């Protein structure tokens, strides 16, 4: 029986550079001879990082023209999460592959819990029903923090204009503030390390600086 792979999650608000950091970490770990798989929740523009069902659910979730409650958002995320867990993450871990994930249920705690006001205990209970204890307890969960709203918007704008506004990226500053605060509270509650994307002098940290902090946390 092969040894279980490591499950490493990088979390944080939109615009914090999660995807870039995951790709760099994946490249580095692969250079050390480790098998690595990168996934994105609730889905991805890259089909290799998700499943067709999860990607369809992601399109529903991202469509800001479809008004819905926080409870429905939880249901949609949970369905995508179960699909990704069963068909991508769990099999990879069982084969001894290291899985690097952009987001997991911590995003739902931050966005639907602290952002939209859904009970966080309820979110955990639903997630447990849809996934497993292994999913709920990654080997490492790292939160990238960006509290500067102007910088967050600037980073998102660098991606180019989407076909339609993203459901959560387009929410107002008050919502983003609640999400950011939620991530900080979650980090304190579960003792997750937080990496600030801005240095103490207010400048934006370089990609390499953030990557170095991530490697130090995961012992890479």
C-alpha atoms as a PDB file:
ATOM      1  CA  UNK A   1       0.000   0.000   0.000  1.00  0.00           C
ATOM      2  CA  UNK A   2       1.501   3.334  -1.058  1.00  0.00           C
ATOM      3  CA  UNK A   3       2.114   6.116   1.412  1.00  0.00           C
ATOM      4  CA  UNK A   4      -0.515   8.860   1.481  1.00  0.00           C
ATOM      5  CA  UNK A   5       0.458  12.029  -0.329  1.00  0.00           C
ATOM      6  CA  UNK A   6       0.518  15.421   1.337  1.00  0.00           C
ATOM      7  CA  UNK A   7      -2.477  17.718   0.976  1.00  0.00           C
ATOM      8  CA  UNK A   8      -1.456  21.385   0.895  1.00  0.00           C
ATOM      9  CA  UNK A   9      -4.012  24.191   0.594  1.00  0.00           C
ATOM     10  CA  UNK A  10      -3.345  27.828  -0.199  1.00  0.00           C
ATOM     11  CA  UNK A  11      -6.223  30.115   0.732  1.00  0.00           C
ATOM     12  CA  UNK A  12      -7.006  33.812   0.596  1.00  0.00           C
ATOM     13  CA  UNK A  13      -9.127  36.511  -0.955  1.00  0.00           C
ATOM     14  CA  UNK A  14      -9.243  37.093  -4.711  1.00  0.00           C
ATOM     15  CA  UNK A  15      -6.141  38.845  -5.984  1.00  0.00           C
ATOM     16  CA  UNK A  16      -3.682  37.373  -3.491  1.00  0.00           C
ATOM     17  CA  UNK A  17      -1.781  35.317  -6.071  1.00  0.00           C
ATOM     18  CA  UNK A  18      -2.782  31.810  -4.989  1.00  0.00           C
ATOM     19  CA  UNK A  19      -2.543  30.301  -8.476  1.00  0.00           C
ATOM     20  CA  UNK A  20       0.902  31.754  -9.157  1.00  0.00           C
ATOM     21  CA  UNK A  21       2.243  30.536  -5.824  1.00  0.00           C
ATOM     22  CA  UNK A  22       0.810  27.040  -6.306  1.00  0.00           C
ATOM     23  CA  UNK A  23       2.390  26.718  -9.738  1.00  0.00           C
ATOM     24  CA  UNK A  24       5.781  27.783  -8.395  1.00  0.00           C
ATOM     25  CA  UNK A  25       5.543  25.366  -5.481  1.00  0.00           C
ATOM     26  CA  UNK A  26       4.450  22.551  -7.811  1.00  0.00           C
ATOM     27  CA  UNK A  27       7.420  23.188 -10.089  1.00  0.00           C
ATOM     28  CA  UNK A  28       9.808  23.187  -7.144  1.00  0.00           C
ATOM     29  CA  UNK A  29       8.438  20.000  -5.556  1.00  0.00           C
ATOM     30  CA  UNK A  30       8.451  18.257  -8.937  1.00  0.00           C
ATOM     31  CA  UNK A  31      12.128  19.178  -9.333  1.00  0.00           C
ATOM     32  CA  UNK A  32      12.760  17.260  -6.104  1.00  0.00           C
ATOM     33  CA  UNK A  33      11.266  14.146  -7.662  1.00  0.00           C
ATOM     34  CA  UNK A  34       7.861  14.340  -5.980  1.00  0.00           C
ATOM     35  CA  UNK A  35       4.663  13.556  -7.833  1.00  0.00           C
ATOM     36  CA  UNK A  36       2.466  16.635  -7.694  1.00  0.00           C
ATOM     37  CA  UNK A  37      -1.094  17.420  -8.758  1.00  0.00           C
ATOM     38  CA  UNK A  38      -2.539  20.942  -8.703  1.00  0.00           C
ATOM     39  CA  UNK A  39      -6.287  21.457  -8.274  1.00  0.00           C
ATOM     40  CA  UNK A  40      -8.502  24.515  -7.979  1.00  0.00           C
ATOM     41  CA  UNK A  41     -11.798  24.853  -6.131  1.00  0.00           C
ATOM     42  CA  UNK A  42     -14.591  25.072  -7.062  1.00  0.00           C
ATOM     43  CA  UNK A  43     -13.249  24.537 -10.602  1.00  0.00           C
ATOM     44  CA  UNK A  44     -10.670  25.893 -13.006  1.00  0.00           C
ATOM     45  CA  UNK A  45     -10.059  27.420 -16.423  1.00  0.00           C
ATOM     46  CA  UNK A  46      -7.556  24.572 -16.803  1.00  0.00           C
ATOM     47  CA  UNK A  47      -9.475  21.280 -17.253  1.00  0.00           C
ATOM     48  CA  UNK A  48      -6.538  19.329 -15.797  1.00  0.00           C
ATOM     49  CA  UNK A  49      -7.059  21.012 -12.431  1.00  0.00           C
ATOM     50  CA  UNK A  50     -10.707  20.043 -11.963  1.00  0.00           C
ATOM     51  CA  UNK A  51     -13.489  17.868 -13.396  1.00  0.00           C
ATOM     52  CA  UNK A  52     -16.144  18.662 -16.038  1.00  0.00           C
ATOM     53  CA  UNK A  53     -18.943  18.600 -13.455  1.00  0.00           C
ATOM     54  CA  UNK A  54     -17.077  20.849 -11.017  1.00  0.00           C
ATOM     55  CA  UNK A  55     -16.291  23.278 -13.836  1.00  0.00           C
ATOM     56  CA  UNK A  56     -19.961  23.504 -14.820  1.00  0.00           C
ATOM     57  CA  UNK A  57     -20.876  24.233 -11.207  1.00  0.00           C
ATOM     58  CA  UNK A  58     -18.122  26.861 -11.097  1.00  0.00           C
ATOM     59  CA  UNK A  59     -19.694  28.698 -14.030  1.00  0.00           C
ATOM     60  CA  UNK A  60     -22.990  28.881 -12.137  1.00  0.00           C
ATOM     61  CA  UNK A  61     -21.229  30.087  -9.002  1.00  0.00           C
ATOM     62  CA  UNK A  62     -19.286  32.807 -10.832  1.00  0.00           C
ATOM     63  CA  UNK A  63     -22.308  34.201 -12.717  1.00  0.00           C
ATOM     64  CA  UNK A  64     -23.301  37.354 -10.823  1.00  0.00           C
ATOM     65  CA  UNK A  65     -26.499  37.648 -12.885  1.00  0.00           C
ATOM     66  CA  UNK A  66     -27.920  34.591 -11.103  1.00  0.00           C
ATOM     67  CA  UNK A  67     -29.168  35.937  -7.776  1.00  0.00           C
ATOM     68  CA  UNK A  68     -29.171  33.360  -4.994  1.00  0.00           C
ATOM     69  CA  UNK A  69     -28.901  32.958  -1.239  1.00  0.00           C
ATOM     70  CA  UNK A  70     -25.843  32.068   0.809  1.00  0.00           C
ATOM     71  CA  UNK A  71     -27.432  28.655   1.455  1.00  0.00           C
ATOM     72  CA  UNK A  72     -27.650  27.943  -2.267  1.00  0.00           C
ATOM     73  CA  UNK A  73     -24.043  29.058  -2.680  1.00  0.00           C
ATOM     74  CA  UNK A  74     -23.074  26.578   0.037  1.00  0.00           C
ATOM     75  CA  UNK A  75     -24.959  23.816  -1.800  1.00  0.00           C
ATOM     76  CA  UNK A  76     -23.253  24.618  -5.108  1.00  0.00           C
ATOM     77  CA  UNK A  77     -19.787  24.781  -3.560  1.00  0.00           C
ATOM     78  CA  UNK A  78     -20.408  21.552  -1.646  1.00  0.00           C
ATOM     79  CA  UNK A  79     -21.455  19.696  -4.803  1.00  0.00           C
ATOM     80  CA  UNK A  80     -18.343  20.893  -6.666  1.00  0.00           C
ATOM     81  CA  UNK A  81     -16.221  20.048  -3.641  1.00  0.00           C
ATOM     82  CA  UNK A  82     -17.498  16.469  -3.425  1.00  0.00           C
ATOM     83  CA  UNK A  83     -16.920  15.967  -7.142  1.00  0.00           C
ATOM     84  CA  UNK A  84     -13.354  17.249  -6.928  1.00  0.00           C
ATOM     85  CA  UNK A  85     -12.606  15.304  -3.750  1.00  0.00           C
ATOM     86  CA  UNK A  86     -13.907  11.981  -5.062  1.00  0.00           C
ATOM     87  CA  UNK A  87     -12.463  12.158  -8.566  1.00  0.00           C
ATOM     88  CA  UNK A  88      -9.243  14.170  -8.204  1.00  0.00           C
ATOM     89  CA  UNK A  89      -7.946  14.865  -4.708  1.00  0.00           C
ATOM     90  CA  UNK A  90      -8.642  11.614  -2.850  1.00  0.00           C
ATOM     91  CA  UNK A  91      -7.342   9.261  -5.591  1.00  0.00           C
ATOM     92  CA  UNK A  92      -4.185  11.352  -5.945  1.00  0.00           C
ATOM     93  CA  UNK A  93      -3.502  11.300  -2.196  1.00  0.00           C
ATOM     94  CA  UNK A  94      -4.119   7.544  -2.076  1.00  0.00           C
ATOM     95  CA  UNK A  95      -1.499   7.049  -4.799  1.00  0.00           C
ATOM     96  CA  UNK A  96       1.101   8.985  -2.813  1.00  0.00           C
ATOM     97  CA  UNK A  97       0.851  12.152  -4.901  1.00  0.00           C
ATOM     98  CA  UNK A  98       1.206  15.555  -3.251  1.00  0.00           C
ATOM     99  CA  UNK A  99      -1.932  17.605  -3.922  1.00  0.00           C
ATOM    100  CA  UNK A 100      -1.669  21.393  -4.032  1.00  0.00           C
ATOM    101  CA  UNK A 101      -5.071  23.052  -3.886  1.00  0.00           C
ATOM    102  CA  UNK A 102      -6.118  26.617  -4.527  1.00  0.00           C
ATOM    103  CA  UNK A 103      -8.867  26.922  -1.885  1.00  0.00           C
ATOM    104  CA  UNK A 104     -10.911  24.387   0.036  1.00  0.00           C
ATOM    105  CA  UNK A 105     -13.865  24.758   2.409  1.00  0.00           C
ATOM    106  CA  UNK A 106     -12.067  27.548   4.282  1.00  0.00           C
ATOM    107  CA  UNK A 107     -13.144  29.805   1.397  1.00  0.00           C
ATOM    108  CA  UNK A 108     -16.771  28.991   2.133  1.00  0.00           C
ATOM    109  CA  UNK A 109     -16.274  29.772   5.816  1.00  0.00           C
ATOM    110  CA  UNK A 110     -14.844  33.166   4.810  1.00  0.00           C
ATOM    111  CA  UNK A 111     -17.192  34.077   1.952  1.00  0.00           C
ATOM    112  CA  UNK A 112     -20.504  32.452   2.869  1.00  0.00           C
ATOM    113  CA  UNK A 113     -19.905  32.527   6.628  1.00  0.00           C
ATOM    114  CA  UNK A 114     -18.290  35.862   7.415  1.00  0.00           C
ATOM    115  CA  UNK A 115     -19.110  37.516   4.081  1.00  0.00           C
ATOM    116  CA  UNK A 116     -22.737  36.438   3.590  1.00  0.00           C
ATOM    117  CA  UNK A 117     -23.676  35.695   7.194  1.00  0.00           C
ATOM    118  CA  UNK A 118     -24.224  31.926   7.078  1.00  0.00           C
ATOM    119  CA  UNK A 119     -23.545  30.041  10.313  1.00  0.00           C
ATOM    120  CA  UNK A 120     -19.962  28.744  10.187  1.00  0.00           C
ATOM    121  CA  UNK A 121     -20.776  25.637  12.244  1.00  0.00           C
ATOM    122  CA  UNK A 122     -23.477  24.765   9.705  1.00  0.00           C
ATOM    123  CA  UNK A 123     -20.964  25.181   6.867  1.00  0.00           C
ATOM    124  CA  UNK A 124     -18.588  22.754   8.565  1.00  0.00           C
ATOM    125  CA  UNK A 125     -21.352  20.205   9.130  1.00  0.00           C
ATOM    126  CA  UNK A 126     -22.460  20.290   5.495  1.00  0.00           C
ATOM    127  CA  UNK A 127     -18.864  20.057   4.256  1.00  0.00           C
ATOM    128  CA  UNK A 128     -18.214  17.035   6.473  1.00  0.00           C
ATOM    129  CA  UNK A 129     -21.233  15.299   4.919  1.00  0.00           C
ATOM    130  CA  UNK A 130     -19.961  15.951   1.396  1.00  0.00           C
ATOM    131  CA  UNK A 131     -16.279  15.144   1.892  1.00  0.00           C
ATOM    132  CA  UNK A 132     -14.224  13.328   4.540  1.00  0.00           C
ATOM    133  CA  UNK A 133     -12.073  13.838   7.612  1.00  0.00           C
ATOM    134  CA  UNK A 134      -8.970  13.853   5.403  1.00  0.00           C
ATOM    135  CA  UNK A 135     -10.388  16.667   3.310  1.00  0.00           C
ATOM    136  CA  UNK A 136     -11.259  18.656   6.420  1.00  0.00           C
ATOM    137  CA  UNK A 137      -7.707  18.358   7.758  1.00  0.00           C
ATOM    138  CA  UNK A 138      -5.049  19.155   5.136  1.00  0.00           C
ATOM    139  CA  UNK A 139      -1.406  18.744   6.091  1.00  0.00           C
ATOM    140  CA  UNK A 140      -0.928  22.477   5.571  1.00  0.00           C
ATOM    141  CA  UNK A 141      -3.382  25.326   5.127  1.00  0.00           C
ATOM    142  CA  UNK A 142      -1.749  28.675   4.370  1.00  0.00           C
ATOM    143  CA  UNK A 143      -3.713  31.913   4.090  1.00  0.00           C
ATOM    144  CA  UNK A 144      -2.485  34.712   1.833  1.00  0.00           C
ATOM    145  CA  UNK A 145      -3.758  38.048   3.139  1.00  0.00           C
ATOM    146  CA  UNK A 146      -4.260  41.296   1.233  1.00  0.00           C
ATOM    147  CA  UNK A 147      -6.122  43.885   3.294  1.00  0.00           C
ATOM    148  CA  UNK A 148      -5.533  46.787   0.881  1.00  0.00           C
ATOM    149  CA  UNK A 149      -8.726  46.998  -1.227  1.00  0.00           C
ATOM    150  CA  UNK A 150      -7.138  49.251  -3.864  1.00  0.00           C
ATOM    151  CA  UNK A 151      -4.290  46.791  -4.368  1.00  0.00           C
ATOM    152  CA  UNK A 152      -6.737  43.864  -4.502  1.00  0.00           C
ATOM    153  CA  UNK A 153      -8.757  45.536  -7.267  1.00  0.00           C
ATOM    154  CA  UNK A 154      -5.585  46.414  -9.176  1.00  0.00           C
ATOM    155  CA  UNK A 155      -4.387  42.816  -9.102  1.00  0.00           C
ATOM    156  CA  UNK A 156      -7.729  41.461 -10.287  1.00  0.00           C
ATOM    157  CA  UNK A 157      -7.871  44.029 -13.109  1.00  0.00           C
ATOM    158  CA  UNK A 158      -4.539  42.723 -14.430  1.00  0.00           C
ATOM    159  CA  UNK A 159      -6.346  39.561 -15.528  1.00  0.00           C
ATOM    160  CA  UNK A 160      -8.396  41.528 -18.072  1.00  0.00           C
ATOM    161  CA  UNK A 161     -12.137  42.116 -18.288  1.00  0.00           C
ATOM    162  CA  UNK A 162     -14.278  38.975 -17.766  1.00  0.00           C
ATOM    163  CA  UNK A 163     -17.278  38.272 -19.995  1.00  0.00           C
ATOM    164  CA  UNK A 164     -19.542  38.995 -17.031  1.00  0.00           C
ATOM    165  CA  UNK A 165     -18.767  40.256 -13.512  1.00  0.00           C
ATOM    166  CA  UNK A 166     -17.665  37.587 -11.039  1.00  0.00           C
ATOM    167  CA  UNK A 167     -20.183  37.002  -8.235  1.00  0.00           C
ATOM    168  CA  UNK A 168     -17.785  37.618  -5.366  1.00  0.00           C
ATOM    169  CA  UNK A 169     -14.983  39.667  -6.928  1.00  0.00           C
ATOM    170  CA  UNK A 170     -17.558  42.311  -7.869  1.00  0.00           C
ATOM    171  CA  UNK A 171     -19.049  42.637  -4.376  1.00  0.00           C
ATOM    172  CA  UNK A 172     -18.524  45.949  -2.578  1.00  0.00           C
ATOM    173  CA  UNK A 173     -15.723  46.924  -0.220  1.00  0.00           C
ATOM    174  CA  UNK A 174     -17.770  46.173   2.899  1.00  0.00           C
ATOM    175  CA  UNK A 175     -18.213  42.566   1.773  1.00  0.00           C
ATOM    176  CA  UNK A 176     -14.508  42.219   0.973  1.00  0.00           C
ATOM    177  CA  UNK A 177     -13.663  43.656   4.399  1.00  0.00           C
ATOM    178  CA  UNK A 178     -15.864  41.046   6.094  1.00  0.00           C
ATOM    179  CA  UNK A 179     -14.189  38.292   4.074  1.00  0.00           C
ATOM    180  CA  UNK A 180     -10.693  39.545   4.942  1.00  0.00           C
ATOM    181  CA  UNK A 181     -11.616  39.821   8.605  1.00  0.00           C
ATOM    182  CA  UNK A 182     -13.130  36.344   8.402  1.00  0.00           C
ATOM    183  CA  UNK A 183      -9.903  34.874   7.081  1.00  0.00           C
ATOM    184  CA  UNK A 184      -7.994  36.431   9.983  1.00  0.00           C
ATOM    185  CA  UNK A 185     -10.487  35.007  12.498  1.00  0.00           C
ATOM    186  CA  UNK A 186     -10.330  31.578  10.862  1.00  0.00           C
ATOM    187  CA  UNK A 187      -6.532  31.649  10.994  1.00  0.00           C
ATOM    188  CA  UNK A 188      -6.594  32.425  14.719  1.00  0.00           C
ATOM    189  CA  UNK A 189      -9.261  29.802  15.400  1.00  0.00           C
ATOM    190  CA  UNK A 190      -7.478  26.963  13.580  1.00  0.00           C
ATOM    191  CA  UNK A 191      -3.881  28.200  14.007  1.00  0.00           C
ATOM    192  CA  UNK A 192      -3.268  28.572  10.272  1.00  0.00           C
ATOM    193  CA  UNK A 193      -0.194  30.545   9.185  1.00  0.00           C
ATOM    194  CA  UNK A 194      -0.951  33.854   7.449  1.00  0.00           C
ATOM    195  CA  UNK A 195       1.343  35.405   4.848  1.00  0.00           C
ATOM    196  CA  UNK A 196       0.737  39.115   4.285  1.00  0.00           C
ATOM    197  CA  UNK A 197       1.125  40.052   0.620  1.00  0.00           C
ATOM    198  CA  UNK A 198       2.163  43.565   1.618  1.00  0.00           C
ATOM    199  CA  UNK A 199       5.396  44.203   3.516  1.00  0.00           C
ATOM    200  CA  UNK A 200       5.470  46.209   6.750  1.00  0.00           C
ATOM    201  CA  UNK A 201       6.521  49.312   4.792  1.00  0.00           C
ATOM    202  CA  UNK A 202       3.429  49.048   2.578  1.00  0.00           C
ATOM    203  CA  UNK A 203       5.140  47.795  -0.570  1.00  0.00           C
ATOM    204  CA  UNK A 204       3.884  44.734  -2.385  1.00  0.00           C
ATOM    205  CA  UNK A 205       6.006  41.681  -1.643  1.00  0.00           C
ATOM    206  CA  UNK A 206       7.588  40.059  -4.662  1.00  0.00           C
ATOM    207  CA  UNK A 207       6.361  36.696  -5.883  1.00  0.00           C
ATOM    208  CA  UNK A 208       9.656  35.145  -4.794  1.00  0.00           C
ATOM    209  CA  UNK A 209       9.373  36.602  -1.284  1.00  0.00           C
ATOM    210  CA  UNK A 210       5.932  35.075  -0.788  1.00  0.00           C
ATOM    211  CA  UNK A 211       7.102  31.767  -2.258  1.00  0.00           C
ATOM    212  CA  UNK A 212      10.031  31.651   0.151  1.00  0.00           C
ATOM    213  CA  UNK A 213       7.640  32.047   3.090  1.00  0.00           C
ATOM    214  CA  UNK A 214       5.429  29.253   1.762  1.00  0.00           C
ATOM    215  CA  UNK A 215       8.404  26.906   1.346  1.00  0.00           C
ATOM    216  CA  UNK A 216       9.510  27.638   4.893  1.00  0.00           C
ATOM    217  CA  UNK A 217       6.070  26.726   6.255  1.00  0.00           C
ATOM    218  CA  UNK A 218       5.799  23.423   4.363  1.00  0.00           C
ATOM    219  CA  UNK A 219       9.427  22.528   4.971  1.00  0.00           C
ATOM    220  CA  UNK A 220      10.321  22.501   1.283  1.00  0.00           C
END
